[in-house]
Amino acid sequence: MHYRDLRSPADGEPSSVIREKVIRARDMQMARFAGSKVFCNARMSNRQIKKFCKIDGPAETVLASAMQQFSLSARAYSKILKLSRTIADLDGAEEIRTEHVTEAIQYRSLDRNLWA
């Protein structure tokens, strides 16, 4: 996000709308992991990542490019997929799309820049 966006007079989503998105996303995760010890996307095992974090061809291309460009590890790959799943849940999407993956990569890049 750019400074001019923060200073923009346009309002973002009201907190009540964001709250509803979070509640729906948590409900999706509870249903997804019903009957297991996992309760949220961040706690997924590698097997669960493969099952619940399927991405299409364009998203796969973006992720592969980011892996190479940023020299990301297998652990980072898993984290990006988990975060992509959460972003898709907040969006109310069953499938992880390219925009979800790119947003997760942006957060990962920001995280690396702040802590590197």
C-alpha atoms as a PDB file:
ATOM      1  CA  MET A   1       0.000   0.000   0.000  1.00  0.00           C
ATOM      2  CA  HIS A   2       1.265   3.437  -0.859  1.00  0.00           C
ATOM      3  CA  TYR A   3       1.250   6.546   1.312  1.00  0.00           C
ATOM      4  CA  ARG A   4      -1.227   8.284  -1.015  1.00  0.00           C
ATOM      5  CA  ASP A   5      -3.638   5.374  -0.512  1.00  0.00           C
ATOM      6  CA  LEU A   6      -3.465   5.808   3.241  1.00  0.00           C
ATOM      7  CA  ARG A   7      -4.102   9.535   2.921  1.00  0.00           C
ATOM      8  CA  SER A   8      -6.978   9.058   0.480  1.00  0.00           C
ATOM      9  CA  PRO A   9     -10.328  10.448   1.635  1.00  0.00           C
ATOM     10  CA  ALA A  10     -12.025   7.260   0.388  1.00  0.00           C
ATOM     11  CA  ASP A  11     -13.091   4.998   3.218  1.00  0.00           C
ATOM     12  CA  GLY A  12     -12.097   1.349   3.369  1.00  0.00           C
ATOM     13  CA  GLU A  13     -14.416  -1.401   4.435  1.00  0.00           C
ATOM     14  CA  PRO A  14     -16.178  -0.814   7.732  1.00  0.00           C
ATOM     15  CA  SER A  15     -14.967  -2.966  10.596  1.00  0.00           C
ATOM     16  CA  SER A  16     -18.361  -4.699  10.753  1.00  0.00           C
ATOM     17  CA  VAL A  17     -17.856  -5.987   7.181  1.00  0.00           C
ATOM     18  CA  ILE A  18     -14.340  -7.134   7.979  1.00  0.00           C
ATOM     19  CA  ARG A  19     -15.600  -8.845  11.130  1.00  0.00           C
ATOM     20  CA  GLU A  20     -18.168 -10.796   9.090  1.00  0.00           C
ATOM     21  CA  LYS A  21     -15.479 -11.873   6.616  1.00  0.00           C
ATOM     22  CA  VAL A  22     -13.301 -13.132   9.464  1.00  0.00           C
ATOM     23  CA  ILE A  23     -16.208 -15.035  11.035  1.00  0.00           C
ATOM     24  CA  ARG A  24     -17.039 -16.672   7.677  1.00  0.00           C
ATOM     25  CA  ALA A  25     -13.372 -17.564   7.096  1.00  0.00           C
ATOM     26  CA  ARG A  26     -13.103 -19.122  10.567  1.00  0.00           C
ATOM     27  CA  ASP A  27     -16.305 -21.086   9.942  1.00  0.00           C
ATOM     28  CA  MET A  28     -14.856 -22.367   6.651  1.00  0.00           C
ATOM     29  CA  GLN A  29     -11.732 -23.491   8.459  1.00  0.00           C
ATOM     30  CA  MET A  30     -13.668 -25.168  11.240  1.00  0.00           C
ATOM     31  CA  ALA A  31     -15.671 -27.118   8.651  1.00  0.00           C
ATOM     32  CA  ARG A  32     -12.539 -27.946   6.644  1.00  0.00           C
ATOM     33  CA  PHE A  33     -10.739 -29.409   9.631  1.00  0.00           C
ATOM     34  CA  ALA A  34     -13.717 -31.000  11.404  1.00  0.00           C
ATOM     35  CA  GLY A  35     -12.687 -34.235  13.049  1.00  0.00           C
ATOM     36  CA  SER A  36      -8.994 -33.348  13.196  1.00  0.00           C
ATOM     37  CA  LYS A  37      -6.800 -31.643  15.751  1.00  0.00           C
ATOM     38  CA  VAL A  38      -6.160 -28.775  13.331  1.00  0.00           C
ATOM     39  CA  PHE A  39      -8.331 -25.693  13.819  1.00  0.00           C
ATOM     40  CA  CYS A  40      -6.861 -23.154  11.389  1.00  0.00           C
ATOM     41  CA  ASN A  41      -4.936 -22.967   8.126  1.00  0.00           C
ATOM     42  CA  ALA A  42      -1.693 -22.015   9.838  1.00  0.00           C
ATOM     43  CA  ARG A  43      -1.601 -25.418  11.569  1.00  0.00           C
ATOM     44  CA  MET A  44      -1.989 -27.520   8.412  1.00  0.00           C
ATOM     45  CA  SER A  45       0.340 -30.461   7.872  1.00  0.00           C
ATOM     46  CA  ASN A  46       2.056 -31.014   4.523  1.00  0.00           C
ATOM     47  CA  ARG A  47      -0.592 -33.591   3.640  1.00  0.00           C
ATOM     48  CA  GLN A  48      -3.360 -31.099   4.419  1.00  0.00           C
ATOM     49  CA  ILE A  49      -1.600 -28.397   2.401  1.00  0.00           C
ATOM     50  CA  LYS A  50      -1.612 -30.727  -0.619  1.00  0.00           C
ATOM     51  CA  LYS A  51      -5.287 -31.475  -0.078  1.00  0.00           C
ATOM     52  CA  PHE A  52      -6.642 -28.003   0.703  1.00  0.00           C
ATOM     53  CA  CYS A  53      -4.225 -25.635  -1.061  1.00  0.00           C
ATOM     54  CA  LYS A  54      -4.567 -26.609  -4.690  1.00  0.00           C
ATOM     55  CA  ILE A  55      -3.801 -23.755  -7.060  1.00  0.00           C
ATOM     56  CA  ASP A  56      -4.425 -23.375 -10.770  1.00  0.00           C
ATOM     57  CA  GLY A  57      -1.816 -23.073 -13.527  1.00  0.00           C
ATOM     58  CA  PRO A  58      -1.429 -19.266 -13.539  1.00  0.00           C
ATOM     59  CA  ALA A  59      -1.121 -19.163  -9.735  1.00  0.00           C
ATOM     60  CA  GLU A  60       1.410 -22.009  -9.883  1.00  0.00           C
ATOM     61  CA  THR A  61       3.446 -20.024 -12.410  1.00  0.00           C
ATOM     62  CA  VAL A  62       3.431 -16.939 -10.176  1.00  0.00           C
ATOM     63  CA  LEU A  63       4.460 -18.968  -7.141  1.00  0.00           C
ATOM     64  CA  ALA A  64       7.227 -20.800  -9.013  1.00  0.00           C
ATOM     65  CA  SER A  65       8.569 -17.481 -10.267  1.00  0.00           C
ATOM     66  CA  ALA A  66       8.541 -16.005  -6.750  1.00  0.00           C
ATOM     67  CA  MET A  67      10.279 -19.079  -5.366  1.00  0.00           C
ATOM     68  CA  GLN A  68      13.099 -18.615  -7.845  1.00  0.00           C
ATOM     69  CA  GLN A  69      13.271 -14.813  -7.724  1.00  0.00           C
ATOM     70  CA  PHE A  70      13.336 -14.589  -3.934  1.00  0.00           C
ATOM     71  CA  SER A  71      15.224 -17.864  -3.331  1.00  0.00           C
ATOM     72  CA  LEU A  72      12.458 -19.115  -1.079  1.00  0.00           C
ATOM     73  CA  SER A  73      12.731 -22.357   0.867  1.00  0.00           C
ATOM     74  CA  ALA A  74      10.289 -25.256   0.993  1.00  0.00           C
ATOM     75  CA  ARG A  75       9.158 -23.900   4.352  1.00  0.00           C
ATOM     76  CA  ALA A  76       8.410 -20.511   2.776  1.00  0.00           C
ATOM     77  CA  TYR A  77       6.493 -22.295  -0.001  1.00  0.00           C
ATOM     78  CA  SER A  78       4.288 -23.980   2.607  1.00  0.00           C
ATOM     79  CA  LYS A  79       3.732 -20.727   4.473  1.00  0.00           C
ATOM     80  CA  ILE A  80       2.723 -18.939   1.275  1.00  0.00           C
ATOM     81  CA  LEU A  81       0.226 -21.681   0.436  1.00  0.00           C
ATOM     82  CA  LYS A  82      -1.266 -21.570   3.947  1.00  0.00           C
ATOM     83  CA  LEU A  83      -1.565 -17.799   3.798  1.00  0.00           C
ATOM     84  CA  SER A  84      -3.028 -17.986   0.286  1.00  0.00           C
ATOM     85  CA  ARG A  85      -5.676 -20.391   1.623  1.00  0.00           C
ATOM     86  CA  THR A  86      -6.527 -17.922   4.404  1.00  0.00           C
ATOM     87  CA  ILE A  87      -6.739 -14.996   1.979  1.00  0.00           C
ATOM     88  CA  ALA A  88      -9.040 -17.072  -0.254  1.00  0.00           C
ATOM     89  CA  ASP A  89     -11.176 -17.900   2.802  1.00  0.00           C
ATOM     90  CA  LEU A  90     -11.473 -14.206   3.663  1.00  0.00           C
ATOM     91  CA  ASP A  91     -12.495 -13.608   0.060  1.00  0.00           C
ATOM     92  CA  GLY A  92     -15.136 -16.336   0.386  1.00  0.00           C
ATOM     93  CA  ALA A  93     -13.469 -18.337  -2.390  1.00  0.00           C
ATOM     94  CA  GLU A  94     -13.373 -22.114  -2.487  1.00  0.00           C
ATOM     95  CA  GLU A  95     -10.387 -22.097  -4.847  1.00  0.00           C
ATOM     96  CA  ILE A  96      -7.089 -20.312  -4.339  1.00  0.00           C
ATOM     97  CA  ARG A  97      -6.656 -17.912  -7.243  1.00  0.00           C
ATOM     98  CA  THR A  98      -3.695 -15.980  -8.577  1.00  0.00           C
ATOM     99  CA  GLU A  99      -4.643 -12.820  -6.651  1.00  0.00           C
ATOM    100  CA  HIS A 100      -4.605 -14.784  -3.385  1.00  0.00           C
ATOM    101  CA  VAL A 101      -1.138 -16.169  -4.106  1.00  0.00           C
ATOM    102  CA  THR A 102       0.262 -12.790  -5.163  1.00  0.00           C
ATOM    103  CA  GLU A 103      -1.083 -11.160  -2.010  1.00  0.00           C
ATOM    104  CA  ALA A 104       0.509 -13.871   0.143  1.00  0.00           C
ATOM    105  CA  ILE A 105       3.822 -13.416  -1.694  1.00  0.00           C
ATOM    106  CA  GLN A 106       3.660  -9.665  -1.070  1.00  0.00           C
ATOM    107  CA  TYR A 107       3.203 -10.266   2.651  1.00  0.00           C
ATOM    108  CA  ARG A 108       6.083 -12.730   2.633  1.00  0.00           C
ATOM    109  CA  SER A 109       8.302 -10.234   0.791  1.00  0.00           C
ATOM    110  CA  LEU A 110       7.384  -7.517   3.273  1.00  0.00           C
ATOM    111  CA  ASP A 111       8.134  -9.888   6.154  1.00  0.00           C
ATOM    112  CA  ARG A 112      11.560 -10.746   4.708  1.00  0.00           C
ATOM    113  CA  ASN A 113      12.396  -7.073   4.144  1.00  0.00           C
ATOM    114  CA  LEU A 114      11.495  -6.116   7.705  1.00  0.00           C
ATOM    115  CA  TRP A 115      13.393  -8.945   9.400  1.00  0.00           C
ATOM    116  CA  ALA A 116      16.344  -9.450   7.068  1.00  0.00           C
END
